Amino acid sequence: SAKIKSASFIKDFYQNHDLRQSLIIHKQKAKSEKNIYFLA
């Protein structure tokens, strides 16, 4: 878990995966609350 939290791993991971799309999907799946925002 330390490895997947590292900056180098995150950068490499999102070279191969769509960060924007994952942000949008996360917002769709998560519970929305007043005055709370998502990265999307």
PDB file of all heavy atoms in Angstrom:
ATOM      1  N   SER A   1       0.835  -1.200   0.000  1.00  0.00           N
ATOM      2  CA  SER A   1       0.000   0.000   0.000  1.00  0.00           C
ATOM      3  C   SER A   1       0.869   1.249   0.000  1.00  0.00           C
ATOM      4  O   SER A   1       0.496   2.270  -0.587  1.00  0.00           O
ATOM      5  CB  SER A   1      -0.993   0.006   1.161  1.00  0.00           C
ATOM      6  OG  SER A   1      -0.331  -0.076   2.382  1.00  0.00           O
ATOM      7  N   ALA A   2       2.052   1.188   0.598  1.00  0.00           N
ATOM      8  CA  ALA A   2       2.977   2.331   0.552  1.00  0.00           C
ATOM      9  C   ALA A   2       3.394   2.610  -0.893  1.00  0.00           C
ATOM     10  O   ALA A   2       3.501   3.767  -1.310  1.00  0.00           O
ATOM     11  CB  ALA A   2       4.196   2.068   1.422  1.00  0.00           C
ATOM     12  N   LYS A   3       3.611   1.563  -1.660  1.00  0.00           N
ATOM     13  CA  LYS A   3       4.025   1.718  -3.060  1.00  0.00           C
ATOM     14  C   LYS A   3       2.926   2.397  -3.879  1.00  0.00           C
ATOM     15  O   LYS A   3       3.205   3.322  -4.650  1.00  0.00           O
ATOM     16  CB  LYS A   3       4.366   0.338  -3.650  1.00  0.00           C
ATOM     17  CG  LYS A   3       4.694   0.350  -5.119  1.00  0.00           C
ATOM     18  CD  LYS A   3       6.033   0.970  -5.380  1.00  0.00           C
ATOM     19  CE  LYS A   3       6.410   0.833  -6.848  1.00  0.00           C
ATOM     20  NZ  LYS A   3       7.593   1.613  -7.163  1.00  0.00           N
ATOM     21  N   ILE A   4       1.678   1.954  -3.719  1.00  0.00           N
ATOM     22  CA  ILE A   4       0.612   2.542  -4.545  1.00  0.00           C
ATOM     23  C   ILE A   4       0.278   3.971  -4.136  1.00  0.00           C
ATOM     24  O   ILE A   4      -0.347   4.697  -4.905  1.00  0.00           O
ATOM     25  CB  ILE A   4      -0.669   1.675  -4.574  1.00  0.00           C
ATOM     26  CG1 ILE A   4      -1.337   1.649  -3.222  1.00  0.00           C
ATOM     27  CG2 ILE A   4      -0.397   0.297  -5.121  1.00  0.00           C
ATOM     28  CD1 ILE A   4      -2.768   1.206  -3.269  1.00  0.00           C
ATOM     29  N   LYS A   5       0.731   4.394  -2.967  1.00  0.00           N
ATOM     30  CA  LYS A   5       0.532   5.772  -2.526  1.00  0.00           C
ATOM     31  C   LYS A   5       1.682   6.685  -2.941  1.00  0.00           C
ATOM     32  O   LYS A   5       1.611   7.896  -2.763  1.00  0.00           O
ATOM     33  CB  LYS A   5       0.355   5.828  -1.006  1.00  0.00           C
ATOM     34  CG  LYS A   5      -0.951   5.224  -0.525  1.00  0.00           C
ATOM     35  CD  LYS A   5      -1.010   5.214   0.995  1.00  0.00           C
ATOM     36  CE  LYS A   5      -2.304   4.654   1.498  1.00  0.00           C
ATOM     37  NZ  LYS A   5      -3.392   5.602   1.522  1.00  0.00           N
ATOM     38  N   SER A   6       2.753   6.115  -3.491  1.00  0.00           N
ATOM     39  CA  SER A   6       3.923   6.918  -3.855  1.00  0.00           C
ATOM     40  C   SER A   6       3.638   7.750  -5.103  1.00  0.00           C
ATOM     41  O   SER A   6       2.892   7.341  -5.998  1.00  0.00           O
ATOM     42  CB  SER A   6       5.137   6.024  -4.092  1.00  0.00           C
ATOM     43  OG  SER A   6       4.996   5.303  -5.306  1.00  0.00           O
ATOM     44  N   ALA A   7       4.238   8.906  -5.155  1.00  0.00           N
ATOM     45  CA  ALA A   7       4.043   9.817  -6.291  1.00  0.00           C
ATOM     46  C   ALA A   7       4.452   9.154  -7.600  1.00  0.00           C
ATOM     47  O   ALA A   7       3.747   9.274  -8.611  1.00  0.00           O
ATOM     48  CB  ALA A   7       4.824  11.108  -6.066  1.00  0.00           C
ATOM     49  N   SER A   8       5.574   8.434  -7.597  1.00  0.00           N
ATOM     50  CA  SER A   8       6.042   7.811  -8.847  1.00  0.00           C
ATOM     51  C   SER A   8       5.054   6.749  -9.332  1.00  0.00           C
ATOM     52  O   SER A   8       4.764   6.657 -10.529  1.00  0.00           O
ATOM     53  CB  SER A   8       7.433   7.208  -8.682  1.00  0.00           C
ATOM     54  OG  SER A   8       7.431   6.214  -7.689  1.00  0.00           O
ATOM     55  N   PHE A   9       4.499   5.959  -8.417  1.00  0.00           N
ATOM     56  CA  PHE A   9       3.532   4.942  -8.816  1.00  0.00           C
ATOM     57  C   PHE A   9       2.258   5.600  -9.364  1.00  0.00           C
ATOM     58  O   PHE A   9       1.723   5.172 -10.391  1.00  0.00           O
ATOM     59  CB  PHE A   9       3.175   4.010  -7.657  1.00  0.00           C
ATOM     60  CG  PHE A   9       2.212   2.933  -8.068  1.00  0.00           C
ATOM     61  CD1 PHE A   9       2.677   1.771  -8.663  1.00  0.00           C
ATOM     62  CD2 PHE A   9       0.839   3.101  -7.916  1.00  0.00           C
ATOM     63  CE1 PHE A   9       1.790   0.791  -9.082  1.00  0.00           C
ATOM     64  CE2 PHE A   9      -0.054   2.121  -8.335  1.00  0.00           C
ATOM     65  CZ  PHE A   9       0.428   0.959  -8.922  1.00  0.00           C
ATOM     66  N   ILE A  10       1.778   6.620  -8.686  1.00  0.00           N
ATOM     67  CA  ILE A  10       0.559   7.309  -9.129  1.00  0.00           C
ATOM     68  C   ILE A  10       0.754   7.903 -10.519  1.00  0.00           C
ATOM     69  O   ILE A  10      -0.108   7.753 -11.400  1.00  0.00           O
ATOM     70  CB  ILE A  10       0.147   8.393  -8.107  1.00  0.00           C
ATOM     71  CG1 ILE A  10      -0.276   7.732  -6.791  1.00  0.00           C
ATOM     72  CG2 ILE A  10      -0.970   9.279  -8.662  1.00  0.00           C
ATOM     73  CD1 ILE A  10      -0.417   8.683  -5.618  1.00  0.00           C
ATOM     74  N   LYS A  11       1.886   8.534 -10.746  1.00  0.00           N
ATOM     75  CA  LYS A  11       2.171   9.116 -12.076  1.00  0.00           C
ATOM     76  C   LYS A  11       2.201   8.025 -13.140  1.00  0.00           C
ATOM     77  O   LYS A  11       1.608   8.173 -14.206  1.00  0.00           O
ATOM     78  CB  LYS A  11       3.486   9.886 -12.054  1.00  0.00           C
ATOM     79  CG  LYS A  11       3.401  11.184 -11.295  1.00  0.00           C
ATOM     80  CD  LYS A  11       4.767  11.858 -11.227  1.00  0.00           C
ATOM     81  CE  LYS A  11       4.703  13.086 -10.343  1.00  0.00           C
ATOM     82  NZ  LYS A  11       6.019  13.712 -10.178  1.00  0.00           N
ATOM     83  N   ASP A  12       2.902   6.928 -12.848  1.00  0.00           N
ATOM     84  CA  ASP A  12       2.971   5.819 -13.814  1.00  0.00           C
ATOM     85  C   ASP A  12       1.586   5.213 -14.054  1.00  0.00           C
ATOM     86  O   ASP A  12       1.220   4.901 -15.191  1.00  0.00           O
ATOM     87  CB  ASP A  12       3.927   4.725 -13.322  1.00  0.00           C
ATOM     88  CG  ASP A  12       5.384   5.144 -13.381  1.00  0.00           C
ATOM     89  OD1 ASP A  12       5.705   6.153 -14.062  1.00  0.00           O
ATOM     90  OD2 ASP A  12       6.213   4.468 -12.730  1.00  0.00           O
ATOM     91  N   PHE A  13       0.827   5.032 -12.987  1.00  0.00           N
ATOM     92  CA  PHE A  13      -0.505   4.441 -13.096  1.00  0.00           C
ATOM     93  C   PHE A  13      -1.377   5.257 -14.048  1.00  0.00           C
ATOM     94  O   PHE A  13      -2.044   4.706 -14.933  1.00  0.00           O
ATOM     95  CB  PHE A  13      -1.153   4.352 -11.709  1.00  0.00           C
ATOM     96  CG  PHE A  13      -2.501   3.675 -11.715  1.00  0.00           C
ATOM     97  CD1 PHE A  13      -2.593   2.296 -11.594  1.00  0.00           C
ATOM     98  CD2 PHE A  13      -3.674   4.406 -11.843  1.00  0.00           C
ATOM     99  CE1 PHE A  13      -3.824   1.658 -11.604  1.00  0.00           C
ATOM    100  CE2 PHE A  13      -4.918   3.786 -11.851  1.00  0.00           C
ATOM    101  CZ  PHE A  13      -4.994   2.404 -11.732  1.00  0.00           C
ATOM    102  N   TYR A  14      -1.370   6.575 -13.877  1.00  0.00           N
ATOM    103  CA  TYR A  14      -2.239   7.414 -14.705  1.00  0.00           C
ATOM    104  C   TYR A  14      -1.650   7.744 -16.076  1.00  0.00           C
ATOM    105  O   TYR A  14      -2.285   8.419 -16.869  1.00  0.00           O
ATOM    106  CB  TYR A  14      -2.694   8.651 -13.929  1.00  0.00           C
ATOM    107  CG  TYR A  14      -3.714   8.239 -12.892  1.00  0.00           C
ATOM    108  CD1 TYR A  14      -3.415   8.260 -11.539  1.00  0.00           C
ATOM    109  CD2 TYR A  14      -4.965   7.755 -13.277  1.00  0.00           C
ATOM    110  CE1 TYR A  14      -4.338   7.834 -10.593  1.00  0.00           C
ATOM    111  CE2 TYR A  14      -5.882   7.312 -12.334  1.00  0.00           C
ATOM    112  CZ  TYR A  14      -5.566   7.366 -11.002  1.00  0.00           C
ATOM    113  OH  TYR A  14      -6.484   6.928 -10.080  1.00  0.00           O
ATOM    114  N   GLN A  15      -0.475   7.196 -16.371  1.00  0.00           N
ATOM    115  CA  GLN A  15       0.000   7.206 -17.759  1.00  0.00           C
ATOM    116  C   GLN A  15      -0.783   6.160 -18.560  1.00  0.00           C
ATOM    117  O   GLN A  15      -0.949   6.291 -19.763  1.00  0.00           O
ATOM    118  CB  GLN A  15       1.504   6.886 -17.831  1.00  0.00           C
ATOM    119  CG  GLN A  15       2.392   7.979 -17.302  1.00  0.00           C
ATOM    120  CD  GLN A  15       2.339   9.237 -18.146  1.00  0.00           C
ATOM    121  OE1 GLN A  15       2.341   9.178 -19.373  1.00  0.00           O
ATOM    122  NE2 GLN A  15       2.269  10.373 -17.480  1.00  0.00           N
ATOM    123  N   ASN A  16      -1.261   5.125 -17.858  1.00  0.00           N
ATOM    124  CA  ASN A  16      -1.969   4.015 -18.501  1.00  0.00           C
ATOM    125  C   ASN A  16      -3.474   3.989 -18.244  1.00  0.00           C
ATOM    126  O   ASN A  16      -4.160   3.112 -18.756  1.00  0.00           O
ATOM    127  CB  ASN A  16      -1.362   2.684 -18.024  1.00  0.00           C
ATOM    128  CG  ASN A  16       0.095   2.570 -18.380  1.00  0.00           C
ATOM    129  OD1 ASN A  16       0.479   2.797 -19.514  1.00  0.00           O
ATOM    130  ND2 ASN A  16       0.926   2.267 -17.401  1.00  0.00           N
ATOM    131  N   HIS A  17      -3.957   4.887 -17.387  1.00  0.00           N
ATOM    132  CA  HIS A  17      -5.377   4.929 -17.040  1.00  0.00           C
ATOM    133  C   HIS A  17      -5.880   6.360 -17.115  1.00  0.00           C
ATOM    134  O   HIS A  17      -5.104   7.304 -16.948  1.00  0.00           O
ATOM    135  CB  HIS A  17      -5.603   4.356 -15.629  1.00  0.00           C
ATOM    136  CG  HIS A  17      -5.233   2.919 -15.521  1.00  0.00           C
ATOM    137  ND1 HIS A  17      -3.967   2.494 -15.205  1.00  0.00           N
ATOM    138  CD2 HIS A  17      -5.958   1.801 -15.689  1.00  0.00           C
ATOM    139  CE1 HIS A  17      -3.926   1.184 -15.199  1.00  0.00           C
ATOM    140  NE2 HIS A  17      -5.124   0.725 -15.485  1.00  0.00           N
ATOM    141  N   ASP A  18      -7.156   6.512 -17.348  1.00  0.00           N
ATOM    142  CA  ASP A  18      -7.763   7.825 -17.538  1.00  0.00           C
ATOM    143  C   ASP A  18      -8.185   8.428 -16.198  1.00  0.00           C
ATOM    144  O   ASP A  18      -9.231   8.066 -15.650  1.00  0.00           O
ATOM    145  CB  ASP A  18      -8.966   7.687 -18.481  1.00  0.00           C
ATOM    146  CG  ASP A  18      -9.555   9.005 -18.902  1.00  0.00           C
ATOM    147  OD1 ASP A  18      -9.281  10.045 -18.259  1.00  0.00           O
ATOM    148  OD2 ASP A  18     -10.322   9.021 -19.887  1.00  0.00           O
ATOM    149  N   LEU A  19      -7.369   9.330 -15.682  1.00  0.00           N
ATOM    150  CA  LEU A  19      -7.645   9.967 -14.401  1.00  0.00           C
ATOM    151  C   LEU A  19      -8.950  10.759 -14.458  1.00  0.00           C
ATOM    152  O   LEU A  19      -9.774  10.655 -13.553  1.00  0.00           O
ATOM    153  CB  LEU A  19      -6.482  10.878 -13.993  1.00  0.00           C
ATOM    154  CG  LEU A  19      -6.672  11.701 -12.720  1.00  0.00           C
ATOM    155  CD1 LEU A  19      -6.991  10.824 -11.518  1.00  0.00           C
ATOM    156  CD2 LEU A  19      -5.426  12.546 -12.462  1.00  0.00           C
ATOM    157  N   ARG A  20      -9.146  11.518 -15.501  1.00  0.00           N
ATOM    158  CA  ARG A  20     -10.361  12.328 -15.629  1.00  0.00           C
ATOM    159  C   ARG A  20     -11.606  11.442 -15.535  1.00  0.00           C
ATOM    160  O   ARG A  20     -12.542  11.750 -14.803  1.00  0.00           O
ATOM    161  CB  ARG A  20     -10.348  13.100 -16.947  1.00  0.00           C
ATOM    162  CG  ARG A  20     -11.553  13.972 -17.141  1.00  0.00           C
ATOM    163  CD  ARG A  20     -11.563  14.665 -18.520  1.00  0.00           C
ATOM    164  NE  ARG A  20     -12.684  15.544 -18.592  1.00  0.00           N
ATOM    165  CZ  ARG A  20     -12.682  16.826 -18.248  1.00  0.00           C
ATOM    166  NH1 ARG A  20     -11.573  17.391 -17.810  1.00  0.00           N
ATOM    167  NH2 ARG A  20     -13.770  17.555 -18.337  1.00  0.00           N
ATOM    168  N   GLN A  21     -11.611  10.347 -16.255  1.00  0.00           N
ATOM    169  CA  GLN A  21     -12.766   9.448 -16.252  1.00  0.00           C
ATOM    170  C   GLN A  21     -12.990   8.836 -14.878  1.00  0.00           C
ATOM    171  O   GLN A  21     -14.128   8.701 -14.424  1.00  0.00           O
ATOM    172  CB  GLN A  21     -12.604   8.358 -17.315  1.00  0.00           C
ATOM    173  CG  GLN A  21     -13.828   7.517 -17.525  1.00  0.00           C
ATOM    174  CD  GLN A  21     -15.050   8.330 -17.973  1.00  0.00           C
ATOM    175  OE1 GLN A  21     -14.936   9.326 -18.679  1.00  0.00           O
ATOM    176  NE2 GLN A  21     -16.224   7.917 -17.554  1.00  0.00           N
ATOM    177  N   SER A  22     -11.913   8.482 -14.180  1.00  0.00           N
ATOM    178  CA  SER A  22     -12.081   7.901 -12.842  1.00  0.00           C
ATOM    179  C   SER A  22     -12.645   8.928 -11.867  1.00  0.00           C
ATOM    180  O   SER A  22     -13.433   8.578 -10.986  1.00  0.00           O
ATOM    181  CB  SER A  22     -10.769   7.306 -12.326  1.00  0.00           C
ATOM    182  OG  SER A  22      -9.822   8.299 -12.048  1.00  0.00           O
ATOM    183  N   LEU A  23     -12.295  10.202 -12.031  1.00  0.00           N
ATOM    184  CA  LEU A  23     -12.856  11.260 -11.186  1.00  0.00           C
ATOM    185  C   LEU A  23     -14.360  11.409 -11.418  1.00  0.00           C
ATOM    186  O   LEU A  23     -15.137  11.556 -10.474  1.00  0.00           O
ATOM    187  CB  LEU A  23     -12.165  12.600 -11.468  1.00  0.00           C
ATOM    188  CG  LEU A  23     -10.688  12.687 -11.116  1.00  0.00           C
ATOM    189  CD1 LEU A  23     -10.092  13.991 -11.629  1.00  0.00           C
ATOM    190  CD2 LEU A  23     -10.469  12.532  -9.631  1.00  0.00           C
ATOM    191  N   ILE A  24     -14.749  11.344 -12.666  1.00  0.00           N
ATOM    192  CA  ILE A  24     -16.171  11.481 -13.018  1.00  0.00           C
ATOM    193  C   ILE A  24     -16.964  10.281 -12.491  1.00  0.00           C
ATOM    194  O   ILE A  24     -18.030  10.444 -11.897  1.00  0.00           O
ATOM    195  CB  ILE A  24     -16.326  11.645 -14.544  1.00  0.00           C
ATOM    196  CG1 ILE A  24     -15.743  13.009 -14.961  1.00  0.00           C
ATOM    197  CG2 ILE A  24     -17.780  11.506 -14.980  1.00  0.00           C
ATOM    198  CD1 ILE A  24     -15.536  13.182 -16.452  1.00  0.00           C
ATOM    199  N   ILE A  25     -16.436   9.082 -12.668  1.00  0.00           N
ATOM    200  CA  ILE A  25     -17.113   7.875 -12.177  1.00  0.00           C
ATOM    201  C   ILE A  25     -17.227   7.920 -10.656  1.00  0.00           C
ATOM    202  O   ILE A  25     -18.283   7.596 -10.098  1.00  0.00           O
ATOM    203  CB  ILE A  25     -16.379   6.593 -12.634  1.00  0.00           C
ATOM    204  CG1 ILE A  25     -16.514   6.427 -14.146  1.00  0.00           C
ATOM    205  CG2 ILE A  25     -16.913   5.361 -11.904  1.00  0.00           C
ATOM    206  CD1 ILE A  25     -15.605   5.360 -14.728  1.00  0.00           C
ATOM    207  N   HIS A  26     -16.167   8.329  -9.987  1.00  0.00           N
ATOM    208  CA  HIS A  26     -16.202   8.401  -8.522  1.00  0.00           C
ATOM    209  C   HIS A  26     -17.304   9.349  -8.050  1.00  0.00           C
ATOM    210  O   HIS A  26     -18.047   9.027  -7.123  1.00  0.00           O
ATOM    211  CB  HIS A  26     -14.848   8.830  -7.960  1.00  0.00           C
ATOM    212  CG  HIS A  26     -14.829   8.869  -6.469  1.00  0.00           C
ATOM    213  ND1 HIS A  26     -14.970   7.739  -5.695  1.00  0.00           N
ATOM    214  CD2 HIS A  26     -14.716   9.902  -5.600  1.00  0.00           C
ATOM    215  CE1 HIS A  26     -14.942   8.076  -4.422  1.00  0.00           C
ATOM    216  NE2 HIS A  26     -14.794   9.385  -4.335  1.00  0.00           N
ATOM    217  N   LYS A  27     -17.431  10.470  -8.698  1.00  0.00           N
ATOM    218  CA  LYS A  27     -18.489  11.419  -8.308  1.00  0.00           C
ATOM    219  C   LYS A  27     -19.868  10.800  -8.523  1.00  0.00           C
ATOM    220  O   LYS A  27     -20.773  10.986  -7.697  1.00  0.00           O
ATOM    221  CB  LYS A  27     -18.370  12.720  -9.102  1.00  0.00           C
ATOM    222  CG  LYS A  27     -19.435  13.721  -8.699  1.00  0.00           C
ATOM    223  CD  LYS A  27     -19.329  15.017  -9.452  1.00  0.00           C
ATOM    224  CE  LYS A  27     -20.490  15.915  -9.022  1.00  0.00           C
ATOM    225  NZ  LYS A  27     -20.487  17.192  -9.699  1.00  0.00           N
ATOM    226  N   GLN A  28     -20.042  10.050  -9.599  1.00  0.00           N
ATOM    227  CA  GLN A  28     -21.331   9.414  -9.877  1.00  0.00           C
ATOM    228  C   GLN A  28     -21.665   8.348  -8.831  1.00  0.00           C
ATOM    229  O   GLN A  28     -22.829   8.179  -8.467  1.00  0.00           O
ATOM    230  CB  GLN A  28     -21.315   8.775 -11.268  1.00  0.00           C
ATOM    231  CG  GLN A  28     -21.265   9.786 -12.387  1.00  0.00           C
ATOM    232  CD  GLN A  28     -20.957   9.147 -13.733  1.00  0.00           C
ATOM    233  OE1 GLN A  28     -20.558   7.983 -13.833  1.00  0.00           O
ATOM    234  NE2 GLN A  28     -21.139   9.920 -14.793  1.00  0.00           N
ATOM    235  N   LYS A  29     -20.677   7.638  -8.339  1.00  0.00           N
ATOM    236  CA  LYS A  29     -20.905   6.530  -7.406  1.00  0.00           C
ATOM    237  C   LYS A  29     -20.992   6.984  -5.949  1.00  0.00           C
ATOM    238  O   LYS A  29     -21.642   6.335  -5.140  1.00  0.00           O
ATOM    239  CB  LYS A  29     -19.784   5.494  -7.521  1.00  0.00           C
ATOM    240  CG  LYS A  29     -19.611   4.896  -8.899  1.00  0.00           C
ATOM    241  CD  LYS A  29     -20.528   3.760  -9.129  1.00  0.00           C
ATOM    242  CE  LYS A  29     -20.204   3.118 -10.478  1.00  0.00           C
ATOM    243  NZ  LYS A  29     -21.212   2.170 -10.859  1.00  0.00           N
ATOM    244  N   ALA A  30     -20.316   8.073  -5.614  1.00  0.00           N
ATOM    245  CA  ALA A  30     -20.254   8.520  -4.222  1.00  0.00           C
ATOM    246  C   ALA A  30     -21.512   9.301  -3.842  1.00  0.00           C
ATOM    247  O   ALA A  30     -22.238   9.797  -4.699  1.00  0.00           O
ATOM    248  CB  ALA A  30     -19.015   9.387  -4.016  1.00  0.00           C
ATOM    249  N   LYS A  31     -21.729   9.410  -2.546  1.00  0.00           N
ATOM    250  CA  LYS A  31     -22.880  10.159  -2.042  1.00  0.00           C
ATOM    251  C   LYS A  31     -22.550  11.646  -2.025  1.00  0.00           C
ATOM    252  O   LYS A  31     -21.537  12.061  -1.469  1.00  0.00           O
ATOM    253  CB  LYS A  31     -23.238   9.702  -0.627  1.00  0.00           C
ATOM    254  CG  LYS A  31     -23.799   8.310  -0.580  1.00  0.00           C
ATOM    255  CD  LYS A  31     -24.177   7.939   0.832  1.00  0.00           C
ATOM    256  CE  LYS A  31     -24.729   6.523   0.863  1.00  0.00           C
ATOM    257  NZ  LYS A  31     -25.050   6.096   2.211  1.00  0.00           N
ATOM    258  N   SER A  32     -23.428  12.398  -2.610  1.00  0.00           N
ATOM    259  CA  SER A  32     -23.262  13.847  -2.659  1.00  0.00           C
ATOM    260  C   SER A  32     -23.830  14.482  -1.395  1.00  0.00           C
ATOM    261  O   SER A  32     -24.837  14.018  -0.872  1.00  0.00           O
ATOM    262  CB  SER A  32     -23.981  14.371  -3.901  1.00  0.00           C
ATOM    263  OG  SER A  32     -23.732  15.734  -4.045  1.00  0.00           O
ATOM    264  N   GLU A  33     -23.181  15.508  -0.912  1.00  0.00           N
ATOM    265  CA  GLU A  33     -23.655  16.241   0.264  1.00  0.00           C
ATOM    266  C   GLU A  33     -23.539  17.730   0.000  1.00  0.00           C
ATOM    267  O   GLU A  33     -22.672  18.176  -0.754  1.00  0.00           O
ATOM    268  CB  GLU A  33     -22.822  15.886   1.494  1.00  0.00           C
ATOM    269  CG  GLU A  33     -23.005  14.470   1.967  1.00  0.00           C
ATOM    270  CD  GLU A  33     -22.215  14.193   3.237  1.00  0.00           C
ATOM    271  OE1 GLU A  33     -22.171  15.075   4.109  1.00  0.00           O
ATOM    272  OE2 GLU A  33     -21.648  13.100   3.325  1.00  0.00           O
ATOM    273  N   LYS A  34     -24.377  18.487   0.676  1.00  0.00           N
ATOM    274  CA  LYS A  34     -24.365  19.937   0.527  1.00  0.00           C
ATOM    275  C   LYS A  34     -23.005  20.489   0.973  1.00  0.00           C
ATOM    276  O   LYS A  34     -22.465  20.077   1.999  1.00  0.00           O
ATOM    277  CB  LYS A  34     -25.490  20.545   1.375  1.00  0.00           C
ATOM    278  CG  LYS A  34     -25.674  22.014   1.177  1.00  0.00           C
ATOM    279  CD  LYS A  34     -26.818  22.521   2.001  1.00  0.00           C
ATOM    280  CE  LYS A  34     -26.976  24.018   1.784  1.00  0.00           C
ATOM    281  NZ  LYS A  34     -28.020  24.576   2.614  1.00  0.00           N
ATOM    282  N   ASN A  35     -22.474  21.400   0.177  1.00  0.00           N
ATOM    283  CA  ASN A  35     -21.210  22.091   0.454  1.00  0.00           C
ATOM    284  C   ASN A  35     -19.984  21.187   0.457  1.00  0.00           C
ATOM    285  O   ASN A  35     -18.939  21.553   0.989  1.00  0.00           O
ATOM    286  CB  ASN A  35     -21.278  22.877   1.771  1.00  0.00           C
ATOM    287  CG  ASN A  35     -22.330  23.956   1.730  1.00  0.00           C
ATOM    288  OD1 ASN A  35     -22.540  24.594   0.705  1.00  0.00           O
ATOM    289  ND2 ASN A  35     -23.011  24.156   2.837  1.00  0.00           N
ATOM    290  N   ILE A  36     -20.115  19.992  -0.099  1.00  0.00           N
ATOM    291  CA  ILE A  36     -18.983  19.084  -0.246  1.00  0.00           C
ATOM    292  C   ILE A  36     -18.795  18.858  -1.748  1.00  0.00           C
ATOM    293  O   ILE A  36     -19.746  18.568  -2.465  1.00  0.00           O
ATOM    294  CB  ILE A  36     -19.238  17.722   0.452  1.00  0.00           C
ATOM    295  CG1 ILE A  36     -19.523  17.906   1.940  1.00  0.00           C
ATOM    296  CG2 ILE A  36     -18.080  16.761   0.217  1.00  0.00           C
ATOM    297  CD1 ILE A  36     -18.349  18.301   2.789  1.00  0.00           C
ATOM    298  N   TYR A  37     -17.558  18.986  -2.191  1.00  0.00           N
ATOM    299  CA  TYR A  37     -17.251  18.832  -3.607  1.00  0.00           C
ATOM    300  C   TYR A  37     -16.383  17.603  -3.825  1.00  0.00           C
ATOM    301  O   TYR A  37     -15.810  17.058  -2.895  1.00  0.00           O
ATOM    302  CB  TYR A  37     -16.524  20.083  -4.128  1.00  0.00           C
ATOM    303  CG  TYR A  37     -17.367  21.327  -4.018  1.00  0.00           C
ATOM    304  CD1 TYR A  37     -17.257  22.166  -2.918  1.00  0.00           C
ATOM    305  CD2 TYR A  37     -18.290  21.646  -5.005  1.00  0.00           C
ATOM    306  CE1 TYR A  37     -18.045  23.301  -2.807  1.00  0.00           C
ATOM    307  CE2 TYR A  37     -19.080  22.784  -4.905  1.00  0.00           C
ATOM    308  CZ  TYR A  37     -18.956  23.606  -3.802  1.00  0.00           C
ATOM    309  OH  TYR A  37     -19.734  24.719  -3.686  1.00  0.00           O
ATOM    310  N   PHE A  38     -16.297  17.209  -5.087  1.00  0.00           N
ATOM    311  CA  PHE A  38     -15.452  16.111  -5.521  1.00  0.00           C
ATOM    312  C   PHE A  38     -14.359  16.672  -6.423  1.00  0.00           C
ATOM    313  O   PHE A  38     -14.519  17.762  -6.981  1.00  0.00           O
ATOM    314  CB  PHE A  38     -16.265  15.076  -6.319  1.00  0.00           C
ATOM    315  CG  PHE A  38     -17.310  14.385  -5.495  1.00  0.00           C
ATOM    316  CD1 PHE A  38     -18.597  14.889  -5.409  1.00  0.00           C
ATOM    317  CD2 PHE A  38     -17.009  13.222  -4.808  1.00  0.00           C
ATOM    318  CE1 PHE A  38     -19.563  14.254  -4.652  1.00  0.00           C
ATOM    319  CE2 PHE A  38     -17.973  12.576  -4.044  1.00  0.00           C
ATOM    320  CZ  PHE A  38     -19.249  13.093  -3.968  1.00  0.00           C
ATOM    321  N   LEU A  39     -13.279  15.928  -6.614  1.00  0.00           N
ATOM    322  CA  LEU A  39     -12.246  16.361  -7.548  1.00  0.00           C
ATOM    323  C   LEU A  39     -12.832  16.593  -8.944  1.00  0.00           C
ATOM    324  O   LEU A  39     -12.392  17.493  -9.656  1.00  0.00           O
ATOM    325  CB  LEU A  39     -11.100  15.347  -7.606  1.00  0.00           C
ATOM    326  CG  LEU A  39     -10.169  15.332  -6.401  1.00  0.00           C
ATOM    327  CD1 LEU A  39      -9.212  14.139  -6.477  1.00  0.00           C
ATOM    328  CD2 LEU A  39      -9.392  16.626  -6.288  1.00  0.00           C
ATOM    329  N   ALA A  40     -13.831  15.828  -9.312  1.00  0.00           N
ATOM    330  CA  ALA A  40     -14.481  16.011 -10.622  1.00  0.00           C
ATOM    331  C   ALA A  40     -15.067  17.417 -10.762  1.00  0.00           C
ATOM    332  O   ALA A  40     -15.151  17.941 -11.869  1.00  0.00           O
ATOM    333  CB  ALA A  40     -15.555  14.953 -10.834  1.00  0.00           C
TER     334      ALA A  40
END
